[in-house]
Amino acid sequence: MAGLKLVASSYTDSTEEDEKEEEIPSKRIKIFKKLPSVSEAVIKLYTNDDDKNDVSVRANKSRVRSFPHVPGNWATYVYIPVKPQMHLRELLDHLLQQAAAATGAEWHSADEHHVSISRTVVLAHHCIESFTESLRKEIGVESNFVVGFEGVALYRNDGKTRTFLGLRVGVGKRSLLQLTQRADSVMQEFRQRTFYKVCLILSYMMSCLEK
């Protein structure tokens, strides 16, 4: 019996020591009642009142989004600004009136006359700076050149939500095509679609025609 008590005593002491070894000392953990505030710049990066709905309000000229909104993604495209002379502006105003009368639809003149040399693409915010830098390196600085037009063109966007009326480029087309090719190389670098294989057009009017 003495031997059994000795074994039991030894087992008990060993168990207590093991439990002491496994005991984890308690530490005070500091709990923050309020999380640190996020800077306004970061909040604006992921917030846009116009992006809450896929269909914009009338203030946005009834435009329908052609791709879903993703926070942190930004839509952009590359274009060449055009400053039309007086006689061209008069022609464009006349075409605007004729288009409205012929279709019965509401047409909107462009805020700025331009010739696009890329599709509208979507970039993650962290890619914008490198994308812009690549465009600067590829296109560089170009001198002003004359652009002439040779006819009227009617076309639609990829999502078929908007119809555009514009003028086909005649004079200056070669220079614009060279710039388009340079923009295409940057689009390929960022795995974006290249420009349409069609004639270049001065966009002037837009309508949300369904047919």
Protein backbone atom coordinates (compact mmCIF):
# COMPACT_ATOMS: atom_id res chain seq x y z
CA MET A 1 0.00 0.00 0.00
CA ALA A 2 2.90 2.30 0.81
CA GLY A 3 4.20 1.74 -2.70
CA LEU A 4 0.77 2.49 -4.24
CA LYS A 5 0.49 5.74 -2.24
CA LEU A 6 3.94 6.75 -3.45
CA VAL A 7 2.96 6.16 -7.07
CA ALA A 8 -0.33 8.07 -6.60
CA SER A 9 1.49 10.94 -4.94
CA SER A 10 4.04 11.04 -7.72
CA TYR A 11 1.31 11.02 -10.42
CA THR A 12 -0.61 13.81 -8.69
CA ASP A 13 2.44 16.05 -8.36
CA SER A 14 3.35 15.49 -12.00
CA THR A 15 -0.19 16.36 -13.17
CA GLU A 16 -0.23 19.56 -11.16
CA GLU A 17 3.14 20.59 -12.60
CA ASP A 18 1.86 19.94 -16.16
CA GLU A 19 -1.20 22.05 -15.49
CA LYS A 20 0.98 24.83 -14.18
CA GLU A 21 3.15 24.64 -17.29
CA GLU A 22 0.11 24.85 -19.59
CA GLU A 23 -1.35 27.81 -17.76
CA ILE A 24 -1.20 30.93 -19.94
CA PRO A 25 -0.53 34.12 -18.04
CA SER A 26 -3.31 36.66 -18.53
CA LYS A 27 -2.50 39.97 -20.22
CA ARG A 28 -4.49 43.13 -20.40
CA ILE A 29 -5.83 43.77 -23.88
CA LYS A 30 -6.50 47.36 -24.83
CA ILE A 31 -9.86 47.72 -26.59
CA PHE A 32 -10.47 50.79 -28.72
CA LYS A 33 -14.01 52.04 -28.39
CA LYS A 34 -13.66 54.04 -31.63
CA LEU A 35 -11.81 53.05 -34.79
CA PRO A 36 -9.39 55.55 -36.35
CA SER A 37 -11.07 57.85 -38.88
CA VAL A 38 -10.53 57.37 -42.61
CA SER A 39 -9.25 60.35 -44.55
CA GLU A 40 -11.64 62.22 -46.85
CA ALA A 41 -9.44 61.49 -49.87
CA VAL A 42 -9.87 57.73 -49.39
CA ILE A 43 -13.63 58.04 -48.87
CA LYS A 44 -14.06 60.06 -52.08
CA LEU A 45 -12.06 57.42 -53.92
CA TYR A 46 -14.81 54.86 -53.38
CA THR A 47 -17.86 57.12 -53.29
CA ASN A 48 -19.66 58.70 -56.19
CA ASP A 49 -23.23 59.90 -55.99
CA ASP A 50 -23.75 59.39 -59.72
CA ASP A 51 -22.69 55.74 -59.39
CA LYS A 52 -25.38 54.68 -56.93
CA ASN A 53 -27.76 53.83 -59.77
CA ASP A 54 -26.98 52.20 -63.07
CA VAL A 55 -29.41 54.53 -64.83
CA SER A 56 -28.38 58.15 -64.35
CA VAL A 57 -30.81 60.97 -63.72
CA ARG A 58 -31.78 63.62 -66.23
CA ALA A 59 -28.91 65.83 -65.06
CA ASN A 60 -26.61 63.24 -66.59
CA LYS A 61 -28.49 63.44 -69.89
CA SER A 62 -30.27 60.09 -69.38
CA ARG A 63 -27.10 58.12 -69.93
CA VAL A 64 -27.19 54.42 -69.11
CA ARG A 65 -24.10 52.75 -67.68
CA SER A 66 -22.56 50.32 -70.18
CA PHE A 67 -20.75 48.33 -67.48
CA PRO A 68 -21.43 47.67 -63.77
CA HIS A 69 -20.00 50.09 -61.23
CA VAL A 70 -17.20 48.68 -59.05
CA PRO A 71 -15.84 50.84 -56.21
CA GLY A 72 -12.28 51.91 -56.95
CA ASN A 73 -12.62 51.44 -60.73
CA TRP A 74 -12.58 54.43 -63.06
CA ALA A 75 -13.73 54.79 -66.65
CA THR A 76 -11.56 56.70 -69.12
CA TYR A 77 -10.80 57.11 -72.80
CA VAL A 78 -8.28 58.91 -75.00
CA TYR A 79 -9.40 61.68 -77.35
CA ILE A 80 -8.13 64.60 -79.39
CA PRO A 81 -9.90 67.93 -78.71
CA VAL A 82 -11.20 69.76 -81.78
CA LYS A 83 -11.92 73.50 -82.02
CA PRO A 84 -14.43 73.92 -84.88
CA GLN A 85 -14.47 77.14 -86.86
CA MET A 86 -17.60 79.27 -87.12
CA HIS A 87 -18.96 77.73 -90.33
CA LEU A 88 -18.55 74.21 -88.90
CA ARG A 89 -20.35 75.16 -85.69
CA GLU A 90 -23.24 76.53 -87.74
CA LEU A 91 -23.39 73.26 -89.69
CA LEU A 92 -23.42 71.21 -86.50
CA ASP A 93 -26.22 73.32 -85.01
CA HIS A 94 -28.25 72.79 -88.20
CA LEU A 95 -27.68 69.02 -88.01
CA LEU A 96 -28.84 69.01 -84.40
CA GLN A 97 -32.16 70.61 -85.37
CA GLN A 98 -32.61 68.27 -88.33
CA ALA A 99 -31.90 65.15 -86.23
CA ALA A 100 -34.44 66.17 -83.60
CA ALA A 101 -37.10 66.91 -86.23
CA ALA A 102 -36.50 63.66 -88.13
CA THR A 103 -36.47 61.30 -85.13
CA GLY A 104 -38.71 63.05 -82.62
CA ALA A 105 -36.07 62.24 -80.00
CA GLU A 106 -34.19 64.55 -77.71
CA TRP A 107 -30.60 65.07 -78.84
CA HIS A 108 -27.83 66.61 -76.77
CA SER A 109 -24.82 68.44 -78.15
CA ALA A 110 -21.42 67.35 -76.91
CA ASP A 111 -19.88 69.33 -74.06
CA GLU A 112 -16.59 69.37 -75.94
CA HIS A 113 -15.91 68.57 -79.59
CA HIS A 114 -13.37 65.77 -79.93
CA VAL A 115 -12.23 62.78 -81.94
CA SER A 116 -11.87 59.63 -79.82
CA ILE A 117 -8.80 57.47 -80.45
CA SER A 118 -9.66 54.77 -77.90
CA ARG A 119 -12.63 52.92 -76.49
CA THR A 120 -13.95 53.70 -73.04
CA VAL A 121 -12.05 51.39 -70.71
CA VAL A 122 -12.17 50.68 -66.98
CA LEU A 123 -9.03 50.97 -64.85
CA ALA A 124 -8.38 50.17 -61.21
CA HIS A 125 -7.38 53.33 -59.34
CA HIS A 126 -3.82 52.11 -58.70
CA CYS A 127 -3.31 51.73 -62.48
CA ILE A 128 -4.29 55.28 -63.44
CA GLU A 129 -0.91 56.89 -62.82
CA SER A 130 1.08 54.24 -64.71
CA PHE A 131 -1.50 54.26 -67.52
CA THR A 132 -1.18 58.04 -67.89
CA GLU A 133 2.60 57.82 -67.83
CA SER A 134 2.59 55.16 -70.56
CA LEU A 135 0.39 57.38 -72.73
CA ARG A 136 2.76 60.31 -72.27
CA LYS A 137 5.75 58.19 -73.29
CA GLU A 138 4.01 56.57 -76.25
CA ILE A 139 2.25 59.63 -77.70
CA GLY A 140 4.57 62.37 -76.50
CA VAL A 141 3.95 65.96 -77.55
CA GLU A 142 2.16 66.53 -80.86
CA SER A 143 1.84 69.83 -82.68
CA ASN A 144 -1.58 71.10 -83.73
CA PHE A 145 -2.74 69.92 -87.14
CA VAL A 146 -5.72 70.62 -89.39
CA VAL A 147 -8.66 68.22 -89.48
CA GLY A 148 -11.34 68.26 -92.18
CA PHE A 149 -14.59 66.30 -92.50
CA GLU A 150 -16.21 64.58 -95.45
CA GLY A 151 -19.61 63.28 -94.41
CA VAL A 152 -22.13 62.54 -91.66
CA ALA A 153 -21.96 59.32 -89.63
CA LEU A 154 -24.51 57.66 -87.33
CA TYR A 155 -23.26 55.08 -84.86
CA ARG A 156 -24.04 53.43 -81.50
CA ASN A 157 -22.06 52.56 -78.39
CA ASP A 158 -21.15 48.97 -77.45
CA GLY A 159 -24.12 48.57 -75.12
CA LYS A 160 -26.50 49.99 -77.75
CA THR A 161 -27.84 52.45 -75.17
CA ARG A 162 -26.82 55.63 -76.98
CA THR A 163 -26.86 56.80 -80.58
CA PHE A 164 -24.34 59.35 -81.80
CA LEU A 165 -24.25 61.64 -84.78
CA GLY A 166 -20.90 62.91 -85.98
CA LEU A 167 -18.71 63.85 -88.93
CA ARG A 168 -16.29 61.47 -90.62
CA VAL A 169 -12.68 62.62 -90.65
CA GLY A 170 -11.12 63.31 -94.07
CA VAL A 171 -8.17 65.68 -93.92
CA GLY A 172 -5.85 64.80 -91.04
CA LYS A 173 -6.96 61.17 -90.93
CA ARG A 174 -3.41 59.80 -91.32
CA SER A 175 -2.14 61.78 -88.33
CA LEU A 176 -5.08 60.64 -86.20
CA LEU A 177 -4.59 57.00 -87.20
CA GLN A 178 -0.95 57.18 -86.09
CA LEU A 179 -2.06 58.50 -82.71
CA THR A 180 -4.70 55.76 -82.52
CA GLN A 181 -2.06 53.07 -83.08
CA ARG A 182 0.05 54.49 -80.25
CA ALA A 183 -2.96 54.56 -77.93
CA ASP A 184 -3.74 50.96 -78.93
CA SER A 185 -0.27 49.82 -77.85
CA VAL A 186 -0.88 51.28 -74.38
CA MET A 187 -4.29 49.59 -74.21
CA GLN A 188 -2.66 46.25 -75.02
CA GLU A 189 -0.06 46.86 -72.32
CA PHE A 190 -2.88 47.19 -69.77
CA ARG A 191 -4.90 44.32 -71.31
CA GLN A 192 -7.66 46.57 -72.59
CA ARG A 193 -9.50 46.39 -75.91
CA THR A 194 -8.08 48.38 -78.80
CA PHE A 195 -10.02 50.93 -80.84
CA TYR A 196 -12.71 50.14 -83.40
CA LYS A 197 -11.59 49.31 -86.92
CA VAL A 198 -13.73 52.03 -88.44
CA CYS A 199 -13.31 55.58 -89.67
CA LEU A 200 -12.54 58.31 -87.17
CA ILE A 201 -15.47 60.55 -86.27
CA LEU A 202 -15.98 63.92 -84.65
CA SER A 203 -18.66 63.21 -82.03
CA TYR A 204 -21.16 66.03 -81.84
CA MET A 205 -24.60 64.82 -80.78
CA MET A 206 -25.93 62.07 -78.56
CA SER A 207 -29.41 60.61 -78.07
CA CYS A 208 -30.72 57.67 -76.05
CA LEU A 209 -32.63 56.23 -79.00
CA GLU A 210 -33.87 52.68 -78.43
CA LYS A 211 -34.19 51.87 -82.14
